[in-house]
Amino acid sequence: MQASRRATIIDVAREAGVSIKTVSRVFNDAPNVSAKMRQRVQEAANSLHYHPNIVAQGLVGRRSYLLGLFYENPSPNYVVELQRGAVERLQGERYRLIVLPVEKASAIADNILAYVRSAALDGIVLTPPASDNPVILERLSEAGFPFVRVAPTTAPDAGPRHVTDDAAAAREMTEYLIALGHRRIAVIKGDPSHPSTEARMRGFREAMAARDIEVAEALVEQGMFQFDSGQRAAQRLLERPDRPTAIFAQNDDMAAGAIMAAHDLGLKVSEDISVAGFDDSAIARMVWPRITTIHQPVFDMARAATDTLVAMLEDAPHEDAVEHPFSLVTRQSTGPVPGTS
């Protein structure tokens, strides 16, 4: 066989010394095929670098073996973690991942079924804000289309979900900043269309109220989960005559933007101004000083959500609600209130 020619099922059958029908039954998971025979065929396929045709398998079983990862998120670091988690779970599986980015999930909510069916998907993983969109959830549920949600903050009974507690995480970060002596704590909020934005704001307010510290509304700036929006918001905050002593940005991209704004104004981060983020994405470890943040297990949630979706499609046992733990990660971007160390 020429090296340039792609191996076929005929080649696998010849290599394994079995019939073409036997090879087909192995790759279609047909019953009554012994483990020894499956191993024999698989070893032959591996030696020939043969991979079964997913589309052809789908035609036989009325399945495409394609799963969708649906996202609308301006943070490339967050998206990379989502994709890594989903892809790792599908290693060695017959299922393949289709990445479906959209500019605005709300804009296609009414047509979500046409959207996923045009991609010939068997199921879909929804990420924020689509995982909270009531129209998307209703359309998919009514049609019986398999889906799993990553990090929703609303509608707990609207479908299988993998979550972390955004409000509790924001409370813990705020409590940490208060323990460092900060009272004038600014917040850079994320995209208002993402329910996690208000959940994190709620956690911040709860922590401040628990210590009888008034929230200075003038120090609450709107961002959009993007680096540039964080930089602009931080510049406005830091140019105030009564600037804050700490900034809590609702994701790491905006926190990195805040650090850049501080550098541009000649301020020393952690000494003149503390900056904290949320997510523990790659950018939190790439900027200097490295960012104190909340580790949100985005990779783990995406991997586990994909595992749940596969289990649903295979009629295997699975949990409908899983809460993943967060953790506070302290690094060099935060320190005591200026003049107290």
Protein backbone atom coordinates (compact mmCIF):
# COMPACT_ATOMS: atom_id res chain seq x y z
CA MET A 1 0.00 0.00 0.00
CA GLN A 2 1.40 3.41 -0.95
CA ALA A 3 2.18 5.64 2.02
CA SER A 4 0.29 8.55 0.47
CA ARG A 5 -2.99 6.59 0.17
CA ARG A 6 -5.44 6.81 3.03
CA ALA A 7 -6.15 3.47 4.70
CA THR A 8 -9.62 2.04 4.22
CA ILE A 9 -11.81 -0.42 6.08
CA ILE A 10 -10.73 -3.02 3.52
CA ASP A 11 -7.09 -2.52 4.52
CA VAL A 12 -7.99 -2.90 8.20
CA ALA A 13 -9.91 -6.10 7.55
CA ARG A 14 -6.97 -7.54 5.58
CA GLU A 15 -4.46 -6.53 8.29
CA ALA A 16 -6.61 -8.04 11.07
CA GLY A 17 -7.47 -11.14 9.05
CA VAL A 18 -11.22 -10.64 9.49
CA SER A 19 -14.16 -9.70 7.32
CA ILE A 20 -15.11 -6.15 6.42
CA LYS A 21 -18.42 -6.72 8.22
CA THR A 22 -16.54 -7.55 11.45
CA VAL A 23 -14.50 -4.34 11.23
CA SER A 24 -17.69 -2.38 10.64
CA ARG A 25 -19.35 -3.97 13.67
CA VAL A 26 -16.36 -3.11 15.86
CA PHE A 27 -16.33 0.57 14.89
CA ASN A 28 -20.11 0.86 15.22
CA ASP A 29 -20.04 -0.67 18.72
CA ALA A 30 -22.29 -3.51 17.66
CA PRO A 31 -23.16 -6.03 20.38
CA ASN A 32 -21.82 -9.57 20.55
CA VAL A 33 -18.29 -8.65 19.49
CA SER A 34 -15.71 -10.09 21.86
CA ALA A 35 -13.17 -7.89 23.62
CA LYS A 36 -10.39 -9.92 21.99
CA MET A 37 -11.79 -9.24 18.52
CA ARG A 38 -12.24 -5.53 19.27
CA GLN A 39 -8.61 -5.31 20.37
CA ARG A 40 -7.42 -7.19 17.27
CA VAL A 41 -9.27 -4.83 14.92
CA GLN A 42 -8.23 -1.73 16.85
CA GLU A 43 -4.56 -2.73 16.76
CA ALA A 44 -4.79 -3.26 13.00
CA ALA A 45 -6.42 0.14 12.58
CA ASN A 46 -3.76 1.82 14.72
CA SER A 47 -0.94 0.23 12.74
CA LEU A 48 -2.47 1.62 9.53
CA HIS A 49 -3.34 5.02 11.07
CA TYR A 50 -6.94 4.34 10.11
CA HIS A 51 -9.76 6.41 11.60
CA PRO A 52 -13.42 5.53 10.97
CA ASN A 53 -15.49 7.96 8.96
CA ILE A 54 -17.61 9.79 11.52
CA VAL A 55 -20.09 10.98 8.90
CA ALA A 56 -20.59 7.47 7.55
CA GLN A 57 -21.14 6.16 11.07
CA GLY A 58 -23.70 8.87 11.63
CA LEU A 59 -25.61 7.90 8.51
CA VAL A 60 -25.88 4.36 9.78
CA GLY A 61 -27.00 5.33 13.29
CA ARG A 62 -28.78 8.61 12.44
CA ARG A 63 -26.15 10.36 14.54
CA SER A 64 -23.49 12.85 13.49
CA TYR A 65 -21.22 12.37 16.55
CA LEU A 66 -20.70 16.14 16.48
CA LEU A 67 -21.01 18.19 19.66
CA GLY A 68 -21.21 21.98 19.73
CA LEU A 69 -19.50 24.39 22.12
CA PHE A 70 -21.59 27.55 21.99
CA TYR A 71 -20.09 30.75 23.38
CA GLU A 72 -20.29 34.50 23.38
CA ASN A 73 -17.39 35.83 25.43
CA PRO A 74 -14.98 38.64 24.61
CA SER A 75 -12.20 37.17 26.78
CA PRO A 76 -9.90 34.99 24.65
CA ASN A 77 -8.34 33.53 27.81
CA TYR A 78 -11.71 32.30 29.09
CA VAL A 79 -12.60 30.83 25.70
CA VAL A 80 -9.32 28.92 25.46
CA GLU A 81 -10.02 27.24 28.82
CA LEU A 82 -13.51 26.27 27.64
CA GLN A 83 -12.15 24.72 24.47
CA ARG A 84 -9.30 22.91 26.23
CA GLY A 85 -11.68 21.32 28.71
CA ALA A 86 -14.12 20.11 26.06
CA VAL A 87 -11.41 18.83 23.73
CA GLU A 88 -9.61 16.92 26.47
CA ARG A 89 -12.80 15.07 27.43
CA LEU A 90 -13.32 13.96 23.83
CA GLN A 91 -9.83 12.54 23.41
CA GLY A 92 -10.22 8.96 22.22
CA GLU A 93 -13.97 9.35 21.69
CA ARG A 94 -15.86 9.02 18.41
CA TYR A 95 -17.41 12.42 19.12
CA ARG A 96 -15.89 15.57 17.63
CA LEU A 97 -16.21 19.17 18.77
CA ILE A 98 -17.61 22.03 16.70
CA VAL A 99 -16.85 25.48 18.13
CA LEU A 100 -19.73 27.92 17.62
CA PRO A 101 -18.84 31.51 18.51
CA VAL A 102 -21.55 34.16 18.21
CA GLU A 103 -21.43 37.91 18.64
CA LYS A 104 -24.71 37.99 20.60
CA ALA A 105 -26.48 34.86 21.79
CA SER A 106 -29.68 36.82 22.29
CA ALA A 107 -29.76 37.70 18.58
CA ILE A 108 -30.17 34.07 17.51
CA ALA A 109 -32.13 32.80 20.52
CA ASP A 110 -35.39 32.40 18.60
CA ASN A 111 -33.62 30.44 15.87
CA ILE A 112 -31.35 28.34 18.06
CA LEU A 113 -32.83 25.05 16.81
CA ALA A 114 -32.19 25.93 13.18
CA TYR A 115 -28.69 27.02 14.17
CA VAL A 116 -27.72 23.75 15.87
CA ARG A 117 -29.49 21.55 13.31
CA SER A 118 -27.78 23.25 10.40
CA ALA A 119 -24.49 22.19 12.02
CA ALA A 120 -25.84 18.60 12.30
CA LEU A 121 -25.11 18.50 16.02
CA ASP A 122 -26.12 15.69 18.37
CA GLY A 123 -25.91 17.97 21.41
CA ILE A 124 -24.51 21.27 22.65
CA VAL A 125 -22.63 22.77 25.59
CA LEU A 126 -23.96 26.24 26.43
CA THR A 127 -21.71 28.80 28.11
CA PRO A 128 -22.52 32.27 29.52
CA PRO A 129 -24.65 34.16 28.71
CA ALA A 130 -26.41 31.56 26.51
CA SER A 131 -26.52 29.17 29.46
CA ASP A 132 -28.88 31.64 31.17
CA ASN A 133 -30.87 32.80 28.13
CA PRO A 134 -34.51 31.82 28.80
CA VAL A 135 -35.49 31.69 25.12
CA ILE A 136 -32.58 29.41 24.19
CA LEU A 137 -33.33 27.12 27.13
CA GLU A 138 -37.03 26.99 26.29
CA ARG A 139 -36.50 26.25 22.58
CA LEU A 140 -34.01 23.46 23.23
CA SER A 141 -36.08 21.92 26.02
CA GLU A 142 -39.31 21.94 24.01
CA ALA A 143 -37.56 20.17 21.13
CA GLY A 144 -35.88 17.64 23.41
CA PHE A 145 -32.48 18.67 22.04
CA PRO A 146 -29.66 17.56 24.39
CA PHE A 147 -27.73 20.39 26.08
CA VAL A 148 -25.64 21.02 29.18
CA ARG A 149 -24.96 24.42 30.76
CA VAL A 150 -21.66 25.82 31.99
CA ALA A 151 -21.70 28.47 34.75
CA PRO A 152 -25.35 29.53 34.69
CA THR A 153 -26.51 31.76 37.56
CA THR A 154 -30.27 31.55 36.96
CA ALA A 155 -33.00 28.95 36.28
CA PRO A 156 -31.47 26.04 38.23
CA ASP A 157 -34.07 23.58 36.93
CA ALA A 158 -33.75 24.51 33.26
CA GLY A 159 -31.32 21.72 32.36
CA PRO A 160 -28.12 19.93 33.45
CA ARG A 161 -25.55 22.41 34.72
CA HIS A 162 -22.00 22.73 36.00
CA VAL A 163 -21.59 25.82 38.16
CA THR A 164 -19.44 27.73 40.58
CA ASP A 165 -20.78 30.24 43.11
CA ASP A 166 -19.94 33.65 41.63
CA ALA A 167 -21.45 35.61 44.51
CA ALA A 168 -19.60 33.62 47.18
CA ALA A 169 -16.35 33.97 45.24
CA ALA A 170 -16.75 37.74 44.96
CA ARG A 171 -17.51 37.92 48.69
CA GLU A 172 -14.30 36.07 49.48
CA MET A 173 -12.21 38.37 47.30
CA THR A 174 -13.80 41.46 48.85
CA GLU A 175 -13.23 40.11 52.35
CA TYR A 176 -9.59 39.57 51.47
CA LEU A 177 -9.20 43.18 50.29
CA ILE A 178 -10.94 44.45 53.43
CA ALA A 179 -8.58 42.35 55.57
CA LEU A 180 -5.68 44.18 53.90
CA GLY A 181 -7.19 47.42 55.21
CA HIS A 182 -8.92 48.63 52.05
CA ARG A 183 -12.18 50.52 52.42
CA ARG A 184 -12.30 52.56 49.20
CA ILE A 185 -12.64 49.56 46.91
CA ALA A 186 -13.62 50.19 43.29
CA VAL A 187 -15.32 47.64 41.07
CA ILE A 188 -15.04 47.27 37.30
CA LYS A 189 -18.15 45.39 36.26
CA GLY A 190 -18.39 42.98 33.34
CA ASP A 191 -20.78 42.84 30.41
CA PRO A 192 -24.29 43.65 31.74
CA SER A 193 -25.82 40.94 29.51
CA HIS A 194 -23.97 38.28 31.53
CA PRO A 195 -25.84 37.36 34.74
CA SER A 196 -22.50 36.59 36.42
CA THR A 197 -21.83 40.34 36.41
CA GLU A 198 -24.63 41.04 38.86
CA ALA A 199 -23.90 37.89 40.87
CA ARG A 200 -20.33 39.08 41.46
CA MET A 201 -21.57 42.57 42.25
CA ARG A 202 -24.00 41.12 44.76
CA GLY A 203 -21.20 39.23 46.49
CA PHE A 204 -19.12 42.42 46.68
CA ARG A 205 -21.98 44.40 48.22
CA GLU A 206 -22.73 41.64 50.74
CA ALA A 207 -19.12 41.58 51.93
CA MET A 208 -19.00 45.37 52.27
CA ALA A 209 -22.31 45.46 54.14
CA ALA A 210 -21.17 42.71 56.52
CA ARG A 211 -18.35 45.03 57.63
CA ASP A 212 -20.57 48.16 57.67
CA ILE A 213 -18.55 49.70 54.84
CA GLU A 214 -20.49 51.95 52.49
CA VAL A 215 -20.10 51.21 48.79
CA ALA A 216 -19.00 54.37 46.96
CA GLU A 217 -21.21 54.17 43.87
CA ALA A 218 -18.91 56.63 42.08
CA LEU A 219 -16.24 53.93 42.25
CA VAL A 220 -18.35 51.37 40.37
CA GLU A 221 -17.36 51.49 36.70
CA GLN A 222 -18.83 49.59 33.78
CA GLY A 223 -16.54 47.33 31.77
CA MET A 224 -17.23 44.64 29.15
CA PHE A 225 -14.90 41.77 30.20
CA GLN A 226 -12.31 43.10 27.72
CA PHE A 227 -8.78 44.35 28.38
CA ASP A 228 -9.42 47.77 26.80
CA SER A 229 -12.61 48.32 28.78
CA GLY A 230 -10.75 47.57 32.00
CA GLN A 231 -7.94 49.94 31.09
CA ARG A 232 -10.35 52.80 30.34
CA ALA A 233 -12.41 52.22 33.46
CA ALA A 234 -9.31 52.06 35.66
CA GLN A 235 -7.93 55.25 34.13
CA ARG A 236 -11.12 57.08 35.09
CA LEU A 237 -10.91 55.71 38.61
CA LEU A 238 -7.22 56.44 39.10
CA GLU A 239 -7.45 59.99 37.79
CA ARG A 240 -9.98 60.89 40.49
CA PRO A 241 -8.68 63.15 43.28
CA ASP A 242 -10.18 60.65 45.73
CA ARG A 243 -9.00 57.57 43.90
CA PRO A 244 -9.61 54.12 45.39
CA THR A 245 -6.93 52.14 47.17
CA ALA A 246 -8.01 48.88 45.51
CA ILE A 247 -9.74 47.85 42.29
CA PHE A 248 -11.69 44.59 42.01
CA ALA A 249 -12.14 43.83 38.30
CA GLN A 250 -14.71 41.16 37.49
CA ASN A 251 -12.36 39.23 35.21
CA ASP A 252 -8.62 38.96 34.68
CA ASP A 253 -8.58 40.67 31.27
CA MET A 254 -10.01 43.84 32.82
CA ALA A 255 -7.67 43.51 35.81
CA ALA A 256 -4.72 43.36 33.40
CA GLY A 257 -6.08 46.50 31.72
CA ALA A 258 -6.28 48.18 35.14
CA ILE A 259 -2.65 47.30 35.83
CA MET A 260 -1.67 48.86 32.50
CA ALA A 261 -3.58 52.03 33.39
CA ALA A 262 -1.75 52.21 36.71
CA HIS A 263 1.62 51.80 34.98
CA ASP A 264 0.71 54.57 32.51
CA LEU A 265 -0.03 56.92 35.43
CA GLY A 266 3.23 56.09 37.18
CA LEU A 267 1.57 54.19 40.03
CA LYS A 268 3.12 51.12 41.65
CA VAL A 269 0.69 48.24 41.69
CA SER A 270 0.31 46.67 45.17
CA GLU A 271 1.99 49.70 46.77
CA ASP A 272 -0.01 52.67 45.44
CA ILE A 273 -3.01 50.66 44.21
CA SER A 274 -4.08 47.05 44.63
CA VAL A 275 -5.70 45.26 41.70
CA ALA A 276 -7.64 41.99 41.89
CA GLY A 277 -9.29 39.93 39.16
CA PHE A 278 -11.52 36.91 38.63
CA ASP A 279 -11.12 33.60 36.67
CA ASP A 280 -7.40 32.80 37.11
CA SER A 281 -6.96 32.71 33.35
CA ALA A 282 -3.57 32.65 31.63
CA ILE A 283 -3.26 36.44 31.51
CA ALA A 284 -3.28 36.57 35.33
CA ARG A 285 0.08 34.81 35.31
CA MET A 286 1.53 36.64 32.31
CA VAL A 287 1.33 40.30 33.37
CA TRP A 288 3.46 41.96 36.03
CA PRO A 289 2.74 42.06 38.82
CA ARG A 290 0.88 38.78 38.57
CA ILE A 291 -2.77 39.12 39.46
CA THR A 292 -4.47 38.14 42.70
CA THR A 293 -7.65 36.49 41.50
CA ILE A 294 -10.41 33.94 42.02
CA HIS A 295 -9.64 30.59 40.46
CA GLN A 296 -12.82 29.70 38.59
CA PRO A 297 -12.49 26.11 37.29
CA VAL A 298 -13.47 26.94 33.70
CA PHE A 299 -11.46 24.05 32.27
CA ASP A 300 -12.95 21.60 34.76
CA MET A 301 -16.51 22.82 34.18
CA ALA A 302 -16.18 22.57 30.40
CA ARG A 303 -14.65 19.11 30.63
CA ALA A 304 -17.29 17.88 33.06
CA ALA A 305 -20.14 19.45 31.06
CA THR A 306 -18.90 17.68 27.92
CA ASP A 307 -18.72 14.44 29.89
CA THR A 308 -22.34 14.93 31.01
CA LEU A 309 -23.44 15.57 27.42
CA VAL A 310 -21.75 12.39 26.19
CA ALA A 311 -23.39 10.45 29.03
CA MET A 312 -26.80 11.84 28.05
CA LEU A 313 -26.31 10.81 24.44
CA GLU A 314 -25.16 7.33 25.47
CA ASP A 315 -28.03 6.91 27.98
CA ALA A 316 -25.44 6.57 30.74
CA PRO A 317 -25.83 7.73 34.37
CA HIS A 318 -24.96 11.39 35.01
CA GLU A 319 -25.55 14.18 37.51
CA ASP A 320 -27.84 17.04 36.53
CA ALA A 321 -26.29 19.60 38.90
CA VAL A 322 -22.62 19.81 39.87
CA GLU A 323 -21.06 22.69 41.82
CA HIS A 324 -17.33 23.13 41.24
CA PRO A 325 -15.22 24.76 43.97
CA PHE A 326 -13.50 28.11 43.51
CA SER A 327 -10.41 29.32 45.38
CA LEU A 328 -8.71 32.61 46.18
CA VAL A 329 -5.25 32.88 44.59
CA THR A 330 -3.07 35.61 46.12
CA ARG A 331 -0.24 37.04 44.04
CA GLN A 332 1.76 40.25 43.81
CA SER A 333 -0.91 42.68 42.53
CA THR A 334 -2.44 43.28 45.96
CA GLY A 335 -1.04 44.65 49.19
CA PRO A 336 -1.95 46.66 52.27
CA VAL A 337 -3.49 50.12 52.08
CA PRO A 338 -0.76 52.66 51.15
CA GLY A 339 1.03 54.02 54.20
CA THR A 340 0.10 51.17 56.54
CA SER A 341 2.75 48.54 55.74
